[in-house]
C-alpha atoms as a PDB file:
ATOM      1  CA  UNK A   1     -36.279 -31.506  31.873  1.00  0.00           C
ATOM      2  CA  UNK A   2     -35.233 -35.010  32.595  1.00  0.00           C
ATOM      3  CA  UNK A   3     -35.855 -38.614  31.660  1.00  0.00           C
ATOM      4  CA  UNK A   4     -34.281 -41.957  32.457  1.00  0.00           C
ATOM      5  CA  UNK A   5     -32.567 -44.418  30.033  1.00  0.00           C
ATOM      6  CA  UNK A   6     -31.745 -48.038  30.600  1.00  0.00           C
ATOM      7  CA  UNK A   7     -28.259 -49.208  29.717  1.00  0.00           C
ATOM      8  CA  UNK A   8     -26.296 -52.324  30.206  1.00  0.00           C
ATOM      9  CA  UNK A   9     -22.995 -52.652  32.081  1.00  0.00           C
ATOM     10  CA  UNK A  10     -20.007 -53.855  30.174  1.00  0.00           C
ATOM     11  CA  UNK A  11     -17.429 -53.592  32.928  1.00  0.00           C
ATOM     12  CA  UNK A  12     -17.167 -56.935  34.849  1.00  0.00           C
ATOM     13  CA  UNK A  13     -15.639 -55.216  38.050  1.00  0.00           C
ATOM     14  CA  UNK A  14     -18.292 -52.544  38.428  1.00  0.00           C
ATOM     15  CA  UNK A  15     -17.651 -48.888  39.149  1.00  0.00           C
ATOM     16  CA  UNK A  16     -19.038 -46.080  41.245  1.00  0.00           C
ATOM     17  CA  UNK A  17     -21.380 -45.150  38.529  1.00  0.00           C
ATOM     18  CA  UNK A  18     -22.508 -48.680  37.984  1.00  0.00           C
ATOM     19  CA  UNK A  19     -22.007 -51.141  40.930  1.00  0.00           C
ATOM     20  CA  UNK A  20     -23.759 -53.921  38.967  1.00  0.00           C
ATOM     21  CA  UNK A  21     -21.783 -56.734  37.290  1.00  0.00           C
ATOM     22  CA  UNK A  22     -21.560 -56.916  33.514  1.00  0.00           C
ATOM     23  CA  UNK A  23     -24.730 -57.553  31.580  1.00  0.00           C
ATOM     24  CA  UNK A  24     -27.208 -56.170  34.143  1.00  0.00           C
ATOM     25  CA  UNK A  25     -29.203 -53.171  33.188  1.00  0.00           C
ATOM     26  CA  UNK A  26     -29.235 -50.012  35.190  1.00  0.00           C
ATOM     27  CA  UNK A  27     -30.883 -46.642  34.733  1.00  0.00           C
ATOM     28  CA  UNK A  28     -29.167 -43.334  34.026  1.00  0.00           C
ATOM     29  CA  UNK A  29     -30.769 -39.919  34.406  1.00  0.00           C
ATOM     30  CA  UNK A  30     -30.437 -37.688  31.362  1.00  0.00           C
ATOM     31  CA  UNK A  31     -31.094 -33.907  31.981  1.00  0.00           C
ATOM     32  CA  UNK A  32     -31.003 -30.611  30.071  1.00  0.00           C
ATOM     33  CA  UNK A  33     -27.375 -29.770  29.154  1.00  0.00           C
ATOM     34  CA  UNK A  34     -25.603 -26.590  30.414  1.00  0.00           C
ATOM     35  CA  UNK A  35     -26.632 -24.628  27.320  1.00  0.00           C
ATOM     36  CA  UNK A  36     -30.304 -25.279  27.897  1.00  0.00           C
ATOM     37  CA  UNK A  37     -30.811 -27.809  25.120  1.00  0.00           C
ATOM     38  CA  UNK A  38     -33.138 -30.760  25.682  1.00  0.00           C
ATOM     39  CA  UNK A  39     -31.834 -32.803  22.640  1.00  0.00           C
ATOM     40  CA  UNK A  40     -30.257 -35.507  24.799  1.00  0.00           C
ATOM     41  CA  UNK A  41     -33.483 -35.911  26.806  1.00  0.00           C
ATOM     42  CA  UNK A  42     -35.531 -36.316  23.642  1.00  0.00           C
ATOM     43  CA  UNK A  43     -33.074 -38.662  21.998  1.00  0.00           C
ATOM     44  CA  UNK A  44     -33.101 -40.855  25.048  1.00  0.00           C
ATOM     45  CA  UNK A  45     -36.871 -40.759  25.039  1.00  0.00           C
ATOM     46  CA  UNK A  46     -36.916 -41.645  21.334  1.00  0.00           C
ATOM     47  CA  UNK A  47     -34.788 -44.715  21.912  1.00  0.00           C
ATOM     48  CA  UNK A  48     -36.851 -45.824  24.852  1.00  0.00           C
ATOM     49  CA  UNK A  49     -39.976 -45.632  22.566  1.00  0.00           C
ATOM     50  CA  UNK A  50     -38.307 -48.097  20.236  1.00  0.00           C
ATOM     51  CA  UNK A  51     -37.950 -50.571  23.229  1.00  0.00           C
ATOM     52  CA  UNK A  52     -41.571 -50.089  24.457  1.00  0.00           C
ATOM     53  CA  UNK A  53     -44.404 -52.258  23.336  1.00  0.00           C
ATOM     54  CA  UNK A  54     -47.434 -50.526  22.059  1.00  0.00           C
ATOM     55  CA  UNK A  55     -49.952 -50.079  24.929  1.00  0.00           C
ATOM     56  CA  UNK A  56     -47.335 -51.115  27.586  1.00  0.00           C
ATOM     57  CA  UNK A  57     -47.267 -47.802  29.309  1.00  0.00           C
ATOM     58  CA  UNK A  58     -50.413 -46.907  31.400  1.00  0.00           C
ATOM     59  CA  UNK A  59     -49.734 -43.230  30.820  1.00  0.00           C
ATOM     60  CA  UNK A  60     -48.401 -43.262  27.215  1.00  0.00           C
ATOM     61  CA  UNK A  61     -50.380 -45.975  25.465  1.00  0.00           C
ATOM     62  CA  UNK A  62     -49.888 -44.399  22.010  1.00  0.00           C
ATOM     63  CA  UNK A  63     -46.052 -44.778  22.372  1.00  0.00           C
ATOM     64  CA  UNK A  64     -43.979 -47.842  21.407  1.00  0.00           C
ATOM     65  CA  UNK A  65     -44.117 -50.469  18.670  1.00  0.00           C
ATOM     66  CA  UNK A  66     -46.069 -53.558  18.288  1.00  0.00           C
ATOM     67  CA  UNK A  67     -42.836 -55.694  18.243  1.00  0.00           C
ATOM     68  CA  UNK A  68     -44.354 -59.114  19.108  1.00  0.00           C
ATOM     69  CA  UNK A  69     -47.336 -58.949  16.583  1.00  0.00           C
ATOM     70  CA  UNK A  70     -45.088 -57.681  13.806  1.00  0.00           C
ATOM     71  CA  UNK A  71     -42.669 -60.621  14.255  1.00  0.00           C
ATOM     72  CA  UNK A  72     -45.481 -63.232  14.382  1.00  0.00           C
ATOM     73  CA  UNK A  73     -47.164 -61.682  11.305  1.00  0.00           C
ATOM     74  CA  UNK A  74     -43.796 -61.230   9.564  1.00  0.00           C
ATOM     75  CA  UNK A  75     -44.429 -57.464   8.853  1.00  0.00           C
ATOM     76  CA  UNK A  76     -41.992 -54.795   9.537  1.00  0.00           C
ATOM     77  CA  UNK A  77     -43.353 -52.052  11.980  1.00  0.00           C
ATOM     78  CA  UNK A  78     -42.668 -49.180   9.590  1.00  0.00           C
ATOM     79  CA  UNK A  79     -46.012 -47.457  10.093  1.00  0.00           C
ATOM     80  CA  UNK A  80     -45.365 -47.165  13.774  1.00  0.00           C
ATOM     81  CA  UNK A  81     -41.700 -46.168  13.239  1.00  0.00           C
ATOM     82  CA  UNK A  82     -42.983 -43.306  10.988  1.00  0.00           C
ATOM     83  CA  UNK A  83     -45.460 -42.229  13.633  1.00  0.00           C
ATOM     84  CA  UNK A  84     -42.540 -42.128  16.171  1.00  0.00           C
ATOM     85  CA  UNK A  85     -40.550 -40.039  13.781  1.00  0.00           C
ATOM     86  CA  UNK A  86     -43.380 -37.577  13.205  1.00  0.00           C
ATOM     87  CA  UNK A  87     -43.814 -37.463  16.947  1.00  0.00           C
ATOM     88  CA  UNK A  88     -40.134 -36.582  17.788  1.00  0.00           C
ATOM     89  CA  UNK A  89     -39.155 -34.527  14.705  1.00  0.00           C
ATOM     90  CA  UNK A  90     -40.241 -31.124  16.258  1.00  0.00           C
ATOM     91  CA  UNK A  91     -37.692 -31.589  19.153  1.00  0.00           C
ATOM     92  CA  UNK A  92     -34.615 -31.775  16.854  1.00  0.00           C
ATOM     93  CA  UNK A  93     -33.173 -29.616  14.039  1.00  0.00           C
ATOM     94  CA  UNK A  94     -33.360 -32.740  11.689  1.00  0.00           C
ATOM     95  CA  UNK A  95     -34.477 -36.318  12.479  1.00  0.00           C
ATOM     96  CA  UNK A  96     -34.343 -39.132   9.912  1.00  0.00           C
ATOM     97  CA  UNK A  97     -35.215 -42.823  10.777  1.00  0.00           C
ATOM     98  CA  UNK A  98     -34.448 -45.366   8.053  1.00  0.00           C
ATOM     99  CA  UNK A  99     -34.840 -49.075   7.986  1.00  0.00           C
ATOM    100  CA  UNK A 100     -31.671 -51.151   7.501  1.00  0.00           C
ATOM    101  CA  UNK A 101     -31.673 -54.423   5.820  1.00  0.00           C
ATOM    102  CA  UNK A 102     -31.207 -56.816   8.698  1.00  0.00           C
ATOM    103  CA  UNK A 103     -32.916 -59.497  10.657  1.00  0.00           C
ATOM    104  CA  UNK A 104     -34.242 -58.761  13.387  1.00  0.00           C
ATOM    105  CA  UNK A 105     -35.501 -55.357  12.236  1.00  0.00           C
ATOM    106  CA  UNK A 106     -33.040 -52.576  12.774  1.00  0.00           C
ATOM    107  CA  UNK A 107     -33.396 -48.901  12.254  1.00  0.00           C
ATOM    108  CA  UNK A 108     -30.864 -46.207  11.549  1.00  0.00           C
ATOM    109  CA  UNK A 109     -31.652 -43.035  13.488  1.00  0.00           C
ATOM    110  CA  UNK A 110     -29.774 -39.883  12.355  1.00  0.00           C
ATOM    111  CA  UNK A 111     -30.246 -36.745  14.462  1.00  0.00           C
ATOM    112  CA  UNK A 112     -29.000 -33.243  14.090  1.00  0.00           C
ATOM    113  CA  UNK A 113     -29.206 -31.456  17.386  1.00  0.00           C
ATOM    114  CA  UNK A 114     -29.934 -27.858  17.887  1.00  0.00           C
ATOM    115  CA  UNK A 115     -26.348 -27.126  18.726  1.00  0.00           C
ATOM    116  CA  UNK A 116     -25.270 -28.367  15.273  1.00  0.00           C
ATOM    117  CA  UNK A 117     -23.825 -31.801  16.391  1.00  0.00           C
ATOM    118  CA  UNK A 118     -24.908 -35.064  14.720  1.00  0.00           C
ATOM    119  CA  UNK A 119     -25.723 -38.284  16.194  1.00  0.00           C
ATOM    120  CA  UNK A 120     -26.101 -41.493  14.324  1.00  0.00           C
ATOM    121  CA  UNK A 121     -27.017 -44.740  15.878  1.00  0.00           C
ATOM    122  CA  UNK A 122     -28.803 -48.088  15.290  1.00  0.00           C
ATOM    123  CA  UNK A 123     -31.702 -49.254  17.195  1.00  0.00           C
ATOM    124  CA  UNK A 124     -32.680 -52.864  17.101  1.00  0.00           C
ATOM    125  CA  UNK A 125     -36.378 -53.783  17.634  1.00  0.00           C
ATOM    126  CA  UNK A 126     -36.585 -56.380  20.557  1.00  0.00           C
ATOM    127  CA  UNK A 127     -37.977 -59.722  19.797  1.00  0.00           C
END
């Protein structure tokens, strides 16, 4: 299985992996690891769902968050984050997404992979 995740370059001189200058996004392919676990693929897809606007994808219209309307209405997108958590929970040994007290809205994602390793990251909702 594979997916693609967009990341930003931080090296100003570029490299073989990322020839773009600093600050420009580029896509990285994420595939199944050598042990056959797809946890990294699903974690990348989970993070991409936080960056996707609801209805933005023509193929996965149910994925994403209504970021713009929630900011205009001053309502946190907790319902949609809960839906994302329910959607991706079967792909991990444990998945917990919790809201952090910050502005703009930021969510703490804690994942326990099937190989036992734990990943903790913060995902900021784009404005």
